[in-house]
Amino acid sequence: MAQGLRLFSFDLKSIITHRLHRDTAQTLCTQRIFYCIHHTVALFLEGLIDIHIQQKLYAPA
């Protein structure tokens, strides 16, 4: 009986640990994707601003 209980608690612990690791991995992946999108949008906007400034600076008066 005690051995069966120990085995059950070990299985439960491994299931919970596995689920926590999986959730952590998904969260990290989501954060990486969000960071990549954010970085890409920031670079795109920075490029647009640079183009706009250059057009203003070098436009014929």
PDB file of N, CA and C in Angstrom:
ATOM      1  N   MET A   1       0.832  -1.203   0.000  1.00  0.00           N
ATOM      2  CA  MET A   1       0.000   0.000   0.000  1.00  0.00           C
ATOM      3  C   MET A   1       0.871   1.260   0.000  1.00  0.00           C
ATOM      4  N   ALA A   2       1.865   1.294   0.884  1.00  0.00           N
ATOM      5  CA  ALA A   2       2.736   2.472   0.977  1.00  0.00           C
ATOM      6  C   ALA A   2       3.533   2.648  -0.313  1.00  0.00           C
ATOM      7  N   GLN A   3       3.968   1.516  -0.887  1.00  0.00           N
ATOM      8  CA  GLN A   3       4.743   1.599  -2.129  1.00  0.00           C
ATOM      9  C   GLN A   3       3.853   2.110  -3.269  1.00  0.00           C
ATOM     10  N   GLY A   4       2.621   1.662  -3.298  1.00  0.00           N
ATOM     11  CA  GLY A   4       1.676   2.126  -4.319  1.00  0.00           C
ATOM     12  C   GLY A   4       1.420   3.620  -4.193  1.00  0.00           C
ATOM     13  N   LEU A   5       1.294   4.091  -2.954  1.00  0.00           N
ATOM     14  CA  LEU A   5       1.089   5.523  -2.721  1.00  0.00           C
ATOM     15  C   LEU A   5       2.303   6.327  -3.158  1.00  0.00           C
ATOM     16  N   ARG A   6       3.495   5.810  -2.840  1.00  0.00           N
ATOM     17  CA  ARG A   6       4.733   6.496  -3.227  1.00  0.00           C
ATOM     18  C   ARG A   6       4.837   6.580  -4.754  1.00  0.00           C
ATOM     19  N   LEU A   7       4.486   5.483  -5.414  1.00  0.00           N
ATOM     20  CA  LEU A   7       4.527   5.439  -6.876  1.00  0.00           C
ATOM     21  C   LEU A   7       3.536   6.443  -7.466  1.00  0.00           C
ATOM     22  N   PHE A   8       2.337   6.503  -6.873  1.00  0.00           N
ATOM     23  CA  PHE A   8       1.314   7.439  -7.344  1.00  0.00           C
ATOM     24  C   PHE A   8       1.776   8.887  -7.162  1.00  0.00           C
ATOM     25  N   SER A   9       2.358   9.203  -6.004  1.00  0.00           N
ATOM     26  CA  SER A   9       2.796  10.581  -5.761  1.00  0.00           C
ATOM     27  C   SER A   9       3.954  10.942  -6.693  1.00  0.00           C
ATOM     28  N   PHE A  10       4.815   9.959  -7.011  1.00  0.00           N
ATOM     29  CA  PHE A  10       5.915  10.217  -7.941  1.00  0.00           C
ATOM     30  C   PHE A  10       5.363  10.524  -9.329  1.00  0.00           C
ATOM     31  N   ASP A  11       4.372   9.732  -9.769  1.00  0.00           N
ATOM     32  CA  ASP A  11       3.751   9.971 -11.078  1.00  0.00           C
ATOM     33  C   ASP A  11       3.098  11.347 -11.128  1.00  0.00           C
ATOM     34  N   LEU A  12       2.402  11.702 -10.064  1.00  0.00           N
ATOM     35  CA  LEU A  12       1.736  12.995  -9.995  1.00  0.00           C
ATOM     36  C   LEU A  12       2.760  14.127 -10.059  1.00  0.00           C
ATOM     37  N   LYS A  13       3.861  13.954  -9.318  1.00  0.00           N
ATOM     38  CA  LYS A  13       4.910  14.971  -9.300  1.00  0.00           C
ATOM     39  C   LYS A  13       5.536  15.122 -10.687  1.00  0.00           C
ATOM     40  N   SER A  14       5.786  14.000 -11.373  1.00  0.00           N
ATOM     41  CA  SER A  14       6.402  14.082 -12.703  1.00  0.00           C
ATOM     42  C   SER A  14       5.445  14.711 -13.716  1.00  0.00           C
ATOM     43  N   ILE A  15       4.154  14.431 -13.583  1.00  0.00           N
ATOM     44  CA  ILE A  15       3.164  15.035 -14.487  1.00  0.00           C
ATOM     45  C   ILE A  15       3.120  16.550 -14.278  1.00  0.00           C
ATOM     46  N   ILE A  16       3.082  16.980 -13.016  1.00  0.00           N
ATOM     47  CA  ILE A  16       3.041  18.417 -12.709  1.00  0.00           C
ATOM     48  C   ILE A  16       4.318  19.096 -13.188  1.00  0.00           C
ATOM     49  N   THR A  17       5.464  18.472 -12.934  1.00  0.00           N
ATOM     50  CA  THR A  17       6.743  19.048 -13.358  1.00  0.00           C
ATOM     51  C   THR A  17       6.793  19.168 -14.873  1.00  0.00           C
ATOM     52  N   HIS A  18       6.348  18.120 -15.560  1.00  0.00           N
ATOM     53  CA  HIS A  18       6.347  18.139 -17.030  1.00  0.00           C
ATOM     54  C   HIS A  18       5.459  19.267 -17.545  1.00  0.00           C
ATOM     55  N   ARG A  19       4.296  19.406 -16.935  1.00  0.00           N
ATOM     56  CA  ARG A  19       3.357  20.450 -17.366  1.00  0.00           C
ATOM     57  C   ARG A  19       3.933  21.840 -17.110  1.00  0.00           C
ATOM     58  N   LEU A  20       4.594  22.027 -15.969  1.00  0.00           N
ATOM     59  CA  LEU A  20       5.207  23.325 -15.664  1.00  0.00           C
ATOM     60  C   LEU A  20       6.299  23.657 -16.671  1.00  0.00           C
ATOM     61  N   HIS A  21       7.134  22.668 -16.987  1.00  0.00           N
ATOM     62  CA  HIS A  21       8.201  22.892 -17.965  1.00  0.00           C
ATOM     63  C   HIS A  21       7.616  23.237 -19.333  1.00  0.00           C
ATOM     64  N   ARG A  22       6.552  22.536 -19.711  1.00  0.00           N
ATOM     65  CA  ARG A  22       5.920  22.790 -21.006  1.00  0.00           C
ATOM     66  C   ARG A  22       5.334  24.202 -21.046  1.00  0.00           C
ATOM     67  N   ASP A  23       4.629  24.593 -19.968  1.00  0.00           N
ATOM     68  CA  ASP A  23       4.035  25.931 -19.912  1.00  0.00           C
ATOM     69  C   ASP A  23       5.108  27.002 -19.939  1.00  0.00           C
ATOM     70  N   THR A  24       6.223  26.761 -19.241  1.00  0.00           N
ATOM     71  CA  THR A  24       7.326  27.719 -19.229  1.00  0.00           C
ATOM     72  C   THR A  24       7.910  27.859 -20.623  1.00  0.00           C
ATOM     73  N   ALA A  25       8.081  26.744 -21.319  1.00  0.00           N
ATOM     74  CA  ALA A  25       8.625  26.775 -22.678  1.00  0.00           C
ATOM     75  C   ALA A  25       7.686  27.543 -23.607  1.00  0.00           C
ATOM     76  N   GLN A  26       6.383  27.316 -23.465  1.00  0.00           N
ATOM     77  CA  GLN A  26       5.418  28.033 -24.306  1.00  0.00           C
ATOM     78  C   GLN A  26       5.455  29.527 -24.018  1.00  0.00           C
ATOM     79  N   THR A  27       5.574  29.888 -22.741  1.00  0.00           N
ATOM     80  CA  THR A  27       5.635  31.300 -22.366  1.00  0.00           C
ATOM     81  C   THR A  27       6.876  31.946 -22.948  1.00  0.00           C
ATOM     82  N   LEU A  28       8.021  31.264 -22.845  1.00  0.00           N
ATOM     83  CA  LEU A  28       9.260  31.812 -23.390  1.00  0.00           C
ATOM     84  C   LEU A  28       9.164  31.972 -24.899  1.00  0.00           C
ATOM     85  N   CYS A  29       8.560  31.002 -25.555  1.00  0.00           N
ATOM     86  CA  CYS A  29       8.391  31.058 -27.011  1.00  0.00           C
ATOM     87  C   CYS A  29       7.497  32.242 -27.377  1.00  0.00           C
ATOM     88  N   THR A  30       6.401  32.420 -26.649  1.00  0.00           N
ATOM     89  CA  THR A  30       5.495  33.541 -26.897  1.00  0.00           C
ATOM     90  C   THR A  30       6.213  34.865 -26.688  1.00  0.00           C
ATOM     91  N   GLN A  31       7.029  34.947 -25.630  1.00  0.00           N
ATOM     92  CA  GLN A  31       7.767  36.184 -25.366  1.00  0.00           C
ATOM     93  C   GLN A  31       8.759  36.469 -26.484  1.00  0.00           C
ATOM     94  N   ARG A  32       9.425  35.431 -26.975  1.00  0.00           N
ATOM     95  CA  ARG A  32      10.387  35.615 -28.067  1.00  0.00           C
ATOM     96  C   ARG A  32       9.691  36.109 -29.331  1.00  0.00           C
ATOM     97  N   ILE A  33       8.544  35.503 -29.651  1.00  0.00           N
ATOM     98  CA  ILE A  33       7.788  35.910 -30.840  1.00  0.00           C
ATOM     99  C   ILE A  33       7.342  37.363 -30.698  1.00  0.00           C
ATOM    100  N   PHE A  34       6.822  37.720 -29.513  1.00  0.00           N
ATOM    101  CA  PHE A  34       6.375  39.092 -29.278  1.00  0.00           C
ATOM    102  C   PHE A  34       7.544  40.059 -29.412  1.00  0.00           C
ATOM    103  N   TYR A  35       8.706  39.683 -28.870  1.00  0.00           N
ATOM    104  CA  TYR A  35       9.893  40.539 -28.955  1.00  0.00           C
ATOM    105  C   TYR A  35      10.310  40.724 -30.415  1.00  0.00           C
ATOM    106  N   CYS A  36      10.296  39.645 -31.190  1.00  0.00           N
ATOM    107  CA  CYS A  36      10.683  39.729 -32.609  1.00  0.00           C
ATOM    108  C   CYS A  36       9.743  40.653 -33.371  1.00  0.00           C
ATOM    109  N   ILE A  37       8.440  40.509 -33.142  1.00  0.00           N
ATOM    110  CA  ILE A  37       7.465  41.359 -33.826  1.00  0.00           C
ATOM    111  C   ILE A  37       7.667  42.815 -33.407  1.00  0.00           C
ATOM    112  N   HIS A  38       7.825  43.044 -32.111  1.00  0.00           N
ATOM    113  CA  HIS A  38       8.014  44.398 -31.588  1.00  0.00           C
ATOM    114  C   HIS A  38       9.264  45.029 -32.186  1.00  0.00           C
ATOM    115  N   HIS A  39      10.348  44.269 -32.239  1.00  0.00           N
ATOM    116  CA  HIS A  39      11.621  44.762 -32.763  1.00  0.00           C
ATOM    117  C   HIS A  39      11.497  45.089 -34.256  1.00  0.00           C
ATOM    118  N   THR A  40      10.828  44.222 -34.995  1.00  0.00           N
ATOM    119  CA  THR A  40      10.642  44.437 -36.434  1.00  0.00           C
ATOM    120  C   THR A  40       9.821  45.696 -36.691  1.00  0.00           C
ATOM    121  N   VAL A  41       8.736  45.866 -35.941  1.00  0.00           N
ATOM    122  CA  VAL A  41       7.892  47.054 -36.107  1.00  0.00           C
ATOM    123  C   VAL A  41       8.681  48.311 -35.754  1.00  0.00           C
ATOM    124  N   ALA A  42       9.471  48.248 -34.677  1.00  0.00           N
ATOM    125  CA  ALA A  42      10.274  49.405 -34.271  1.00  0.00           C
ATOM    126  C   ALA A  42      11.285  49.776 -35.360  1.00  0.00           C
ATOM    127  N   LEU A  43      11.952  48.778 -35.935  1.00  0.00           N
ATOM    128  CA  LEU A  43      12.914  49.053 -37.008  1.00  0.00           C
ATOM    129  C   LEU A  43      12.218  49.626 -38.243  1.00  0.00           C
ATOM    130  N   PHE A  44      11.037  49.098 -38.565  1.00  0.00           N
ATOM    131  CA  PHE A  44      10.276  49.587 -39.713  1.00  0.00           C
ATOM    132  C   PHE A  44       9.893  51.055 -39.518  1.00  0.00           C
ATOM    133  N   LEU A  45       9.377  51.387 -38.323  1.00  0.00           N
ATOM    134  CA  LEU A  45       8.991  52.770 -38.044  1.00  0.00           C
ATOM    135  C   LEU A  45      10.201  53.690 -38.059  1.00  0.00           C
ATOM    136  N   GLU A  46      11.308  53.210 -37.520  1.00  0.00           N
ATOM    137  CA  GLU A  46      12.541  53.994 -37.523  1.00  0.00           C
ATOM    138  C   GLU A  46      12.975  54.288 -38.962  1.00  0.00           C
ATOM    139  N   GLY A  47      12.860  53.297 -39.833  1.00  0.00           N
ATOM    140  CA  GLY A  47      13.192  53.480 -41.242  1.00  0.00           C
ATOM    141  C   GLY A  47      12.276  54.492 -41.908  1.00  0.00           C
ATOM    142  N   LEU A  48      10.976  54.421 -41.610  1.00  0.00           N
ATOM    143  CA  LEU A  48      10.026  55.382 -42.184  1.00  0.00           C
ATOM    144  C   LEU A  48      10.338  56.804 -41.734  1.00  0.00           C
ATOM    145  N   ILE A  49      10.667  56.960 -40.460  1.00  0.00           N
ATOM    146  CA  ILE A  49      11.002  58.290 -39.931  1.00  0.00           C
ATOM    147  C   ILE A  49      12.262  58.819 -40.606  1.00  0.00           C
ATOM    148  N   ASP A  50      13.262  57.953 -40.766  1.00  0.00           N
ATOM    149  CA  ASP A  50      14.503  58.372 -41.440  1.00  0.00           C
ATOM    150  C   ASP A  50      14.225  58.823 -42.870  1.00  0.00           C
ATOM    151  N   ILE A  51      13.400  58.067 -43.588  1.00  0.00           N
ATOM    152  CA  ILE A  51      13.064  58.423 -44.971  1.00  0.00           C
ATOM    153  C   ILE A  51      12.342  59.773 -44.997  1.00  0.00           C
ATOM    154  N   HIS A  52      11.412  59.961 -44.073  1.00  0.00           N
ATOM    155  CA  HIS A  52      10.652  61.211 -44.010  1.00  0.00           C
ATOM    156  C   HIS A  52      11.583  62.394 -43.740  1.00  0.00           C
ATOM    157  N   ILE A  53      12.511  62.237 -42.803  1.00  0.00           N
ATOM    158  CA  ILE A  53      13.462  63.308 -42.478  1.00  0.00           C
ATOM    159  C   ILE A  53      14.352  63.608 -43.679  1.00  0.00           C
ATOM    160  N   GLN A  54      14.835  62.565 -44.344  1.00  0.00           N
ATOM    161  CA  GLN A  54      15.693  62.775 -45.515  1.00  0.00           C
ATOM    162  C   GLN A  54      14.941  63.495 -46.627  1.00  0.00           C
ATOM    163  N   GLN A  55      13.671  63.153 -46.811  1.00  0.00           N
ATOM    164  CA  GLN A  55      12.878  63.835 -47.839  1.00  0.00           C
ATOM    165  C   GLN A  55      12.712  65.311 -47.500  1.00  0.00           C
ATOM    166  N   LYS A  56      12.524  65.614 -46.224  1.00  0.00           N
ATOM    167  CA  LYS A  56      12.377  67.014 -45.802  1.00  0.00           C
ATOM    168  C   LYS A  56      13.696  67.768 -45.965  1.00  0.00           C
ATOM    169  N   LEU A  57      14.808  67.114 -45.635  1.00  0.00           N
ATOM    170  CA  LEU A  57      16.113  67.779 -45.691  1.00  0.00           C
ATOM    171  C   LEU A  57      16.563  68.036 -47.122  1.00  0.00           C
ATOM    172  N   TYR A  58      16.342  67.053 -47.981  1.00  0.00           N
ATOM    173  CA  TYR A  58      16.893  67.142 -49.335  1.00  0.00           C
ATOM    174  C   TYR A  58      15.858  67.520 -50.389  1.00  0.00           C
ATOM    175  N   ALA A  59      14.671  67.901 -49.961  1.00  0.00           N
ATOM    176  CA  ALA A  59      13.635  68.283 -50.924  1.00  0.00           C
ATOM    177  C   ALA A  59      13.977  69.648 -51.524  1.00  0.00           C
ATOM    178  N   PRO A  60      13.742  69.792 -52.819  1.00  0.00           N
ATOM    179  CA  PRO A  60      13.999  71.112 -53.425  1.00  0.00           C
ATOM    180  C   PRO A  60      13.023  72.150 -52.873  1.00  0.00           C
ATOM    181  N   ALA A  61      13.533  73.291 -52.527  1.00  0.00           N
ATOM    182  CA  ALA A  61      12.713  74.334 -51.897  1.00  0.00           C
ATOM    183  C   ALA A  61      11.900  75.094 -52.916  1.00  0.00           C
TER     184      ALA A  61
END
